[in-house]
Protein backbone atom coordinates (compact mmCIF):
# COMPACT_ATOMS: atom_id res chain seq x y z
CA MET A 1 11.99 208.96 128.92
CA GLY A 2 13.63 207.50 125.53
CA ASP A 3 16.94 206.40 124.72
CA VAL A 4 19.77 209.21 124.63
CA PHE A 5 22.43 209.35 121.39
CA LYS A 6 24.99 212.22 121.38
CA GLU A 7 28.51 212.58 120.15
CA GLN A 8 30.94 215.36 120.27
CA LEU A 9 34.39 216.05 118.97
CA VAL A 10 36.80 217.61 120.45
CA LYS A 11 40.31 218.73 118.88
CA ALA A 12 43.38 218.53 121.62
CA ASN A 13 45.50 221.55 121.56
CA THR A 14 48.93 220.59 121.62
CA THR A 15 50.79 221.81 125.27
CA LYS A 16 54.20 223.39 124.98
CA GLN A 17 55.66 220.06 126.67
CA GLU A 18 54.02 218.55 124.04
CA LEU A 19 55.42 220.69 121.52
CA LEU A 20 59.16 220.74 122.80
CA LYS A 21 59.30 216.71 122.74
CA ARG A 22 57.93 216.48 119.40
CA ASN A 23 60.53 219.27 118.38
CA GLY A 24 62.99 217.31 120.48
CA TYR A 25 62.27 213.74 118.77
CA ILE A 26 62.29 215.49 115.48
CA PHE A 27 65.97 217.03 116.19
CA LEU A 28 67.24 213.90 117.19
CA ALA A 29 66.25 212.13 114.22
CA VAL A 30 67.27 214.53 112.12
CA LEU A 31 70.93 214.73 113.78
CA GLY A 32 71.36 210.84 114.05
CA SER A 33 70.72 210.47 110.07
CA VAL A 34 73.45 213.50 109.62
CA ILE A 35 75.45 211.92 111.78
CA THR A 36 75.33 208.39 110.67
CA PHE A 37 75.87 209.72 106.43
CA ILE A 38 79.22 211.51 107.91
CA PHE A 39 80.69 208.51 109.77
CA LEU A 40 79.51 205.84 108.08
CA GLY A 41 78.94 206.53 104.41
CA THR A 42 75.72 206.56 102.30
CA MET A 43 74.79 202.88 102.02
CA PHE A 44 74.17 202.85 106.04
CA GLY A 45 73.18 206.50 105.89
CA GLY A 46 70.54 206.30 103.22
CA VAL A 47 69.19 203.49 105.37
CA ILE A 48 69.01 205.40 108.95
CA THR A 49 67.48 208.68 106.92
CA LEU A 50 64.80 206.50 105.91
CA ILE A 51 63.82 204.92 109.34
CA ALA A 52 64.04 209.05 110.43
CA VAL A 53 61.90 210.07 108.21
CA ILE A 54 59.32 207.23 108.71
CA PHE A 55 59.53 207.76 112.71
CA ILE A 56 58.88 211.75 112.13
CA ALA A 57 56.25 211.33 110.24
CA TYR A 58 54.81 208.79 112.80
CA ILE A 59 55.50 211.51 115.43
CA MET A 60 53.96 214.11 113.54
CA ARG A 61 50.43 211.91 112.81
CA MET A 62 50.63 210.76 116.51
CA SER A 63 50.94 214.53 117.76
CA ASN A 64 47.13 215.44 115.78
CA LYS A 65 44.72 214.07 117.71
CA GLU A 66 41.12 214.43 118.54
CA TYR A 67 38.50 212.80 121.14
CA GLU A 68 35.04 211.55 120.28
CA TYR A 69 32.66 211.62 122.88
CA ALA A 70 29.96 209.46 122.41
CA LEU A 71 27.04 209.29 124.71
CA THR A 72 24.45 206.32 124.76
CA ASN A 73 21.94 206.50 127.66
CA SER A 74 24.23 206.61 130.54
CA GLU A 75 27.46 205.21 129.36
CA LEU A 76 30.19 207.69 127.66
CA ASP A 77 32.51 206.30 124.94
CA ILE A 78 35.59 208.07 124.63
CA ASP A 79 37.68 207.26 121.42
CA VAL A 80 40.78 209.26 120.12
CA ILE A 81 41.37 209.79 116.42
CA TYR A 82 44.70 210.25 115.47
CA SER A 83 45.20 212.48 111.73
CA LYS A 84 41.53 212.35 111.55
CA GLN A 85 42.33 208.92 109.83
CA GLN A 86 43.21 206.29 112.80
CA ARG A 87 40.61 205.73 115.38
CA LYS A 88 41.35 203.60 118.87
CA LYS A 89 38.92 202.93 122.10
CA PHE A 90 40.32 205.06 124.73
CA LEU A 91 37.73 204.77 127.47
CA ASN A 92 34.69 203.67 128.68
CA PHE A 93 32.41 204.52 131.74
CA ASP A 94 29.11 204.72 133.20
CA LEU A 95 27.93 208.29 134.23
CA LYS A 96 25.42 206.54 137.01
CA SER A 97 28.41 204.60 138.30
CA ILE A 98 30.78 207.53 139.05
CA ASN A 99 31.26 209.13 142.30
CA VAL A 100 31.45 212.65 140.76
CA MET A 101 31.55 214.90 137.72
CA ALA A 102 31.88 218.52 137.68
CA SER A 103 34.29 221.47 136.69
CA ILE A 104 37.67 221.79 137.57
CA SER A 105 37.37 225.63 138.76
CA ASP A 106 34.33 224.39 141.13
CA THR A 107 36.59 224.62 143.98
CA LYS A 108 34.10 222.54 145.84
CA TYR A 109 35.35 219.68 144.69
CA SER A 110 38.81 220.13 144.46
CA ALA A 111 39.68 217.48 147.10
CA GLU A 112 38.40 214.70 145.37
CA PHE A 113 39.89 215.88 142.47
CA GLU A 114 43.41 215.97 144.26
CA ARG A 115 42.69 212.33 145.73
CA ALA A 116 42.74 210.81 141.95
CA GLN A 117 45.65 208.35 141.67
CA LYS A 118 45.66 208.71 138.36
CA VAL A 119 44.44 211.05 135.77
CA ILE A 120 43.59 210.73 131.87
CA ASP A 121 43.43 213.62 129.59
CA ALA A 122 40.91 213.41 127.13
CA SER A 123 39.88 217.34 126.99
CA ASP A 124 41.16 220.06 124.27
CA GLY A 125 43.66 220.91 126.78
CA LEU A 126 43.06 224.51 127.77
CA ARG A 127 42.02 224.11 131.25
CA ASP A 128 39.14 226.69 131.86
CA ASN A 129 35.47 226.30 133.20
CA ASN A 130 34.72 224.30 130.27
CA THR A 131 37.00 221.60 131.23
CA TYR A 132 35.35 219.08 133.86
CA ALA A 133 36.87 216.08 136.07
CA VAL A 134 35.30 212.91 136.58
CA ILE A 135 36.09 210.83 139.33
CA TYR A 136 35.64 206.94 139.91
CA SER A 137 36.55 204.15 140.76
CA LYS A 138 38.55 201.42 138.51
CA ASP A 139 40.46 198.22 140.09
CA GLY A 140 40.61 199.52 143.65
CA GLU A 141 42.36 202.59 142.14
CA THR A 142 40.85 206.49 141.71
CA VAL A 143 40.90 207.50 138.25
CA LYS A 144 40.14 211.26 137.38
CA VAL A 145 39.17 211.49 133.64
CA LEU A 146 39.30 215.50 132.29
CA ILE A 147 36.82 215.99 129.42
CA THR A 148 35.63 219.26 127.64
CA PRO A 149 31.64 218.86 127.01
CA ASN A 150 29.65 221.44 125.23
CA ASP A 151 26.36 222.45 126.51
CA ASP A 152 24.41 220.01 125.34
CA MET A 153 26.41 216.97 125.72
CA LEU A 154 26.57 218.17 129.28
CA ASN A 155 22.60 218.87 129.42
CA LEU A 156 22.31 215.20 127.87
CA MET A 157 24.98 213.93 130.68
CA TYR A 158 23.27 215.98 133.68
CA LYS A 159 19.68 214.30 132.82
CA GLN A 160 21.54 210.70 132.72
CA ALA A 161 22.95 211.36 136.50
CA PRO A 162 21.62 214.68 137.80
CA ASN A 163 22.64 213.71 141.33
CA LYS A 164 26.29 212.95 139.86
CA VAL A 165 26.93 215.43 137.42
CA HIS A 166 27.37 219.16 138.75
CA LYS A 167 26.95 221.98 136.04
CA PHE A 168 29.73 224.92 136.44
CA ARG A 169 28.31 227.30 133.82
């Protein structure tokens, strides 16, 4: 078997909670700017408004994110990409050292999913049969990573660790 390399891009859907949080921040920034203008005048109000606009732009930019999964042999690297411009390393693990990887809809592994002490969401956010949980230990802590691999990625992951990756589809 030769070297394996596969990349997949997954757009993260905005949840209602994230949308509410983002809109709340924007509302507070605008409200703070208006109140500052009313009570402190145009000089200080202008500075606060400029800061509020920069803050709103930052919030909007960070709320548009995608995850890139890169499988190189048995290593899975996950990067987060903000507004299709800024990339950050997010996570890395070896499929051969995980405990299990299975669909969150697979009830056979639900007890193991619930035992996780830390949850990291790198999925599309839909929580359906296509969302998989990867359970592994790191620094004495059980970690659950949620991902949404497509069929090609899932098959390659299965070939790298067939006793740990359980396909549900």
